[in-house]
Amino acid sequence: MAMSGGSDDGSPMMEINTTPLIDVMLVLLIMFIITIPVATHSIDIDLPAPAPDTKVKPPERDKNILSVDSVGTITWNGQSLSESTLVYQLTETLKIKPEPELQFQPDAQAPYESTARVLRLIKGSGVTAFGFVGNEQYYQFGKDPKEPAVK
């Protein structure tokens, strides 16, 4: 590094010290950056007005509970049935308007193959009102059972 320390003859140093100028420029730059307003990118969209509340409740749907127990037995509303009977029941429920809600509740120890087959049959039948129920009992999965529940 080349530095000039002045001359030995006692003459004054003729170069300007730029370090304080650079410090002042950096402070000013930071102040300008802070005071610049945040750029907002907004797009004005005319949204449709909400429909007036008619206070008419949707029709109450019937509910069918489909479950698979720990040995792979399929039950429809508590009655045991075969896969072919399940397909028949699913196609019959599609004829009812409004379509009954199908609630699927497999047992925690149910064989994976049985559960997967039943889900494949449900998907193939075209049922649209479908939901899993009973999963809230497993929200502590993998946690220490001695640990207090947090809700």
Protein backbone atom coordinates (compact mmCIF):
# COMPACT_ATOMS: atom_id res chain seq x y z
CA MET A 1 0.00 0.00 0.00
CA ALA A 2 1.21 3.38 -0.88
CA MET A 3 0.90 5.91 1.89
CA SER A 4 2.33 9.35 2.11
CA GLY A 5 3.46 10.40 5.53
CA GLY A 6 4.74 13.81 4.47
CA SER A 7 8.29 14.80 3.88
CA ASP A 8 11.15 14.98 6.28
CA ASP A 9 11.80 18.63 5.54
CA GLY A 10 8.98 19.83 7.82
CA SER A 11 6.72 21.14 5.04
CA PRO A 12 2.96 20.76 5.50
CA MET A 13 1.14 17.79 3.93
CA MET A 14 -0.65 18.96 0.78
CA GLU A 15 -3.13 16.04 0.36
CA ILE A 16 -6.69 16.21 1.71
CA ASN A 17 -7.90 13.59 4.18
CA THR A 18 -10.94 12.00 2.47
CA THR A 19 -11.95 9.61 5.30
CA PRO A 20 -14.33 12.08 7.03
CA LEU A 21 -15.88 12.98 3.67
CA ILE A 22 -16.56 9.32 2.90
CA ASP A 23 -18.12 8.85 6.35
CA VAL A 24 -20.43 11.82 5.81
CA MET A 25 -21.42 10.55 2.35
CA LEU A 26 -22.28 7.09 3.76
CA VAL A 27 -24.42 8.64 6.50
CA LEU A 28 -26.26 10.76 3.93
CA LEU A 29 -26.78 7.74 1.68
CA ILE A 30 -28.28 5.74 4.55
CA MET A 31 -30.54 8.64 5.48
CA PHE A 32 -31.82 8.92 1.91
CA ILE A 33 -32.46 5.18 1.73
CA ILE A 34 -34.43 5.28 4.98
CA THR A 35 -36.58 8.22 3.90
CA ILE A 36 -37.55 6.80 0.49
CA PRO A 37 -41.19 5.65 0.64
CA VAL A 38 -41.81 1.96 0.19
CA ALA A 39 -42.86 1.18 -3.35
CA THR A 40 -46.35 -0.27 -3.33
CA HIS A 41 -47.56 -2.22 -6.29
CA SER A 42 -51.32 -2.20 -6.17
CA ILE A 43 -53.87 -3.02 -8.79
CA ASP A 44 -57.33 -1.59 -8.44
CA ILE A 45 -59.95 -4.25 -9.10
CA ASP A 46 -63.68 -3.72 -9.02
CA LEU A 47 -64.95 -6.65 -6.97
CA PRO A 48 -68.57 -7.71 -7.21
CA ALA A 49 -70.82 -6.66 -4.38
CA PRO A 50 -71.74 -9.46 -1.99
CA ALA A 51 -75.11 -11.02 -2.52
CA PRO A 52 -77.73 -10.01 0.02
CA ASP A 53 -78.19 -12.50 2.83
CA THR A 54 -81.37 -14.41 2.13
CA LYS A 55 -81.21 -16.28 5.44
CA VAL A 56 -82.20 -19.45 3.67
CA LYS A 57 -80.26 -22.39 5.04
CA PRO A 58 -78.99 -25.00 2.61
CA PRO A 59 -80.93 -28.24 2.71
CA GLU A 60 -79.87 -30.67 5.41
CA ARG A 61 -77.96 -33.60 3.94
CA ASP A 62 -78.27 -37.15 5.09
CA LYS A 63 -75.07 -38.68 6.40
CA ASN A 64 -73.69 -42.13 5.71
CA ILE A 65 -70.80 -43.37 7.81
CA LEU A 66 -68.40 -45.73 6.07
CA SER A 67 -65.70 -47.35 8.17
CA VAL A 68 -63.01 -49.98 7.96
CA ASP A 69 -62.16 -51.82 11.18
CA SER A 70 -58.88 -53.33 12.35
CA VAL A 71 -59.41 -56.62 10.47
CA GLY A 72 -60.45 -54.92 7.20
CA THR A 73 -64.22 -55.32 7.52
CA ILE A 74 -66.16 -52.60 5.70
CA THR A 75 -69.24 -51.25 7.49
CA TRP A 76 -71.91 -48.90 6.10
CA ASN A 77 -73.86 -47.16 8.87
CA GLY A 78 -72.91 -50.00 11.24
CA GLN A 79 -73.79 -52.88 8.89
CA SER A 80 -71.05 -55.07 7.43
CA LEU A 81 -70.93 -55.31 3.64
CA SER A 82 -68.72 -56.50 0.78
CA GLU A 83 -66.89 -54.34 -1.77
CA SER A 84 -69.46 -55.11 -4.49
CA THR A 85 -72.30 -54.09 -2.16
CA LEU A 86 -70.36 -50.93 -1.32
CA VAL A 87 -70.18 -50.03 -5.02
CA TYR A 88 -73.95 -50.57 -5.29
CA GLN A 89 -74.60 -48.39 -2.21
CA LEU A 90 -72.39 -45.61 -3.57
CA THR A 91 -74.16 -45.56 -6.95
CA GLU A 92 -77.56 -45.55 -5.23
CA THR A 93 -76.63 -42.56 -3.06
CA LEU A 94 -75.68 -40.60 -6.18
CA LYS A 95 -79.33 -40.82 -7.31
CA ILE A 96 -80.55 -39.01 -4.18
CA LYS A 97 -80.80 -35.20 -4.38
CA PRO A 98 -79.13 -33.57 -2.54
CA GLU A 99 -76.39 -36.14 -2.45
CA PRO A 100 -75.92 -37.59 1.07
CA GLU A 101 -72.64 -36.81 2.76
CA LEU A 102 -70.29 -39.78 2.95
CA GLN A 103 -68.18 -39.75 6.12
CA PHE A 104 -65.19 -42.09 5.99
CA GLN A 105 -63.79 -43.19 9.33
CA PRO A 106 -61.10 -45.88 9.11
CA ASP A 107 -59.82 -47.48 12.29
CA ALA A 108 -56.27 -46.59 13.32
CA GLN A 109 -55.27 -50.26 13.02
CA ALA A 110 -57.10 -50.87 9.71
CA PRO A 111 -54.97 -52.56 7.04
CA TYR A 112 -53.62 -50.08 4.52
CA GLU A 113 -54.65 -52.27 1.56
CA SER A 114 -58.30 -52.39 2.68
CA THR A 115 -58.44 -48.67 3.30
CA ALA A 116 -56.81 -47.91 -0.05
CA ARG A 117 -59.25 -50.21 -1.89
CA VAL A 118 -62.24 -48.52 -0.25
CA LEU A 119 -60.89 -45.06 -1.13
CA ARG A 120 -60.34 -46.20 -4.72
CA LEU A 121 -63.96 -47.44 -4.88
CA ILE A 122 -65.24 -44.13 -3.47
CA LYS A 123 -63.20 -42.13 -5.98
CA GLY A 124 -64.33 -44.32 -8.87
CA SER A 125 -67.99 -43.98 -7.92
CA GLY A 126 -68.02 -40.20 -8.45
CA VAL A 127 -69.11 -39.26 -4.93
CA THR A 128 -68.62 -35.52 -4.37
CA ALA A 129 -69.91 -35.04 -0.80
CA PHE A 130 -67.07 -36.86 0.96
CA GLY A 131 -65.08 -36.25 4.12
CA PHE A 132 -62.79 -37.90 6.63
CA VAL A 133 -64.11 -37.90 10.20
CA GLY A 134 -62.64 -39.01 13.49
CA ASN A 135 -59.12 -37.75 12.79
CA GLU A 136 -59.29 -35.32 15.69
CA GLN A 137 -58.57 -38.22 18.04
CA TYR A 138 -55.10 -38.48 16.50
CA TYR A 139 -54.03 -34.83 16.87
CA GLN A 140 -51.54 -35.89 19.56
CA PHE A 141 -49.90 -38.43 17.22
CA GLY A 142 -46.25 -38.95 18.06
CA LYS A 143 -46.37 -36.85 21.24
CA ASP A 144 -45.75 -38.03 24.76
CA PRO A 145 -49.14 -39.20 26.16
CA LYS A 146 -48.12 -37.91 29.61
CA GLU A 147 -47.76 -34.39 28.22
CA PRO A 148 -50.86 -32.24 28.86
CA ALA A 149 -53.05 -31.55 25.82
CA VAL A 150 -52.87 -28.05 24.39
CA LYS A 151 -55.92 -26.71 22.64
